[in-house]
């Protein structure tokens, strides 16, 4: 009697673990997509203004940074 109950609990736990992993992977992919988009926007913005941000400092493009 206990064996089927334990088997059911383990089966449910494994299924839940797989669902949590899937959700975590999807969330990570979304964060990477957002990060790439923001980085591309920042680079495009820097290129338009002719200024590049290096180590927290803003310098004219082509000028030595530091």
Protein backbone atom coordinates (compact mmCIF):
# COMPACT_ATOMS: atom_id res chain seq x y z
CA UNK A 1 0.00 0.00 0.00
CA UNK A 2 2.78 2.46 0.85
CA UNK A 3 4.77 1.67 -2.29
CA UNK A 4 2.18 3.07 -4.78
CA UNK A 5 1.76 6.17 -2.59
CA UNK A 6 5.53 6.81 -2.48
CA UNK A 7 5.77 6.16 -6.21
CA UNK A 8 3.02 8.72 -6.87
CA UNK A 9 4.70 11.32 -4.66
CA UNK A 10 8.04 10.80 -6.42
CA UNK A 11 6.42 10.94 -9.85
CA UNK A 12 4.67 14.20 -8.97
CA UNK A 13 7.88 15.66 -7.52
CA UNK A 14 9.87 14.82 -10.63
CA UNK A 15 7.20 16.34 -12.87
CA UNK A 16 7.12 19.48 -10.77
CA UNK A 17 10.91 19.74 -10.84
CA UNK A 18 10.93 19.51 -14.63
CA UNK A 19 8.26 22.23 -14.90
CA UNK A 20 10.24 24.54 -12.61
CA UNK A 21 13.40 23.97 -14.65
CA UNK A 22 11.53 24.71 -17.88
CA UNK A 23 10.12 27.92 -16.43
CA UNK A 24 13.56 28.99 -15.20
CA UNK A 25 15.11 28.37 -18.62
CA UNK A 26 12.37 30.39 -20.33
CA UNK A 27 12.80 33.26 -17.86
CA UNK A 28 16.56 33.22 -18.44
CA UNK A 29 16.06 33.36 -22.20
CA UNK A 30 13.70 36.32 -21.85
CA UNK A 31 16.22 38.16 -19.66
CA UNK A 32 18.95 37.53 -22.25
CA UNK A 33 16.70 38.86 -25.03
CA UNK A 34 15.91 42.01 -23.04
CA UNK A 35 19.59 42.50 -22.19
CA UNK A 36 20.59 42.20 -25.85
CA UNK A 37 17.94 44.70 -26.91
CA UNK A 38 18.95 47.22 -24.25
CA UNK A 39 22.64 46.84 -25.12
CA UNK A 40 21.90 47.36 -28.81
CA UNK A 41 19.84 50.47 -28.02
CA UNK A 42 22.64 51.87 -25.84
CA UNK A 43 25.23 51.25 -28.54
CA UNK A 44 23.01 52.85 -31.17
CA UNK A 45 22.40 55.83 -28.89
CA UNK A 46 26.14 56.20 -28.23
CA UNK A 47 26.87 56.03 -31.95
CA UNK A 48 24.28 58.76 -32.67
CA UNK A 49 25.68 61.12 -30.05
CA UNK A 50 29.30 60.38 -30.96
CA UNK A 51 30.12 59.58 -27.36
CA UNK A 52 31.17 56.28 -25.87
CA UNK A 53 30.88 55.32 -22.22
CA UNK A 54 33.96 53.54 -20.93
CA UNK A 55 34.35 52.39 -17.31
CA UNK A 56 31.65 54.79 -16.14
CA UNK A 57 33.19 57.80 -17.88
CA UNK A 58 31.81 59.49 -20.96
CA UNK A 59 34.44 60.45 -23.49
CA UNK A 60 34.33 61.80 -27.01
CA UNK A 61 34.51 59.00 -29.52
CA UNK A 62 38.09 58.40 -30.57
CA UNK A 63 39.53 60.25 -27.58
CA UNK A 64 41.63 58.30 -25.11
CA UNK A 65 39.52 57.11 -22.19
CA UNK A 66 41.60 57.42 -19.18
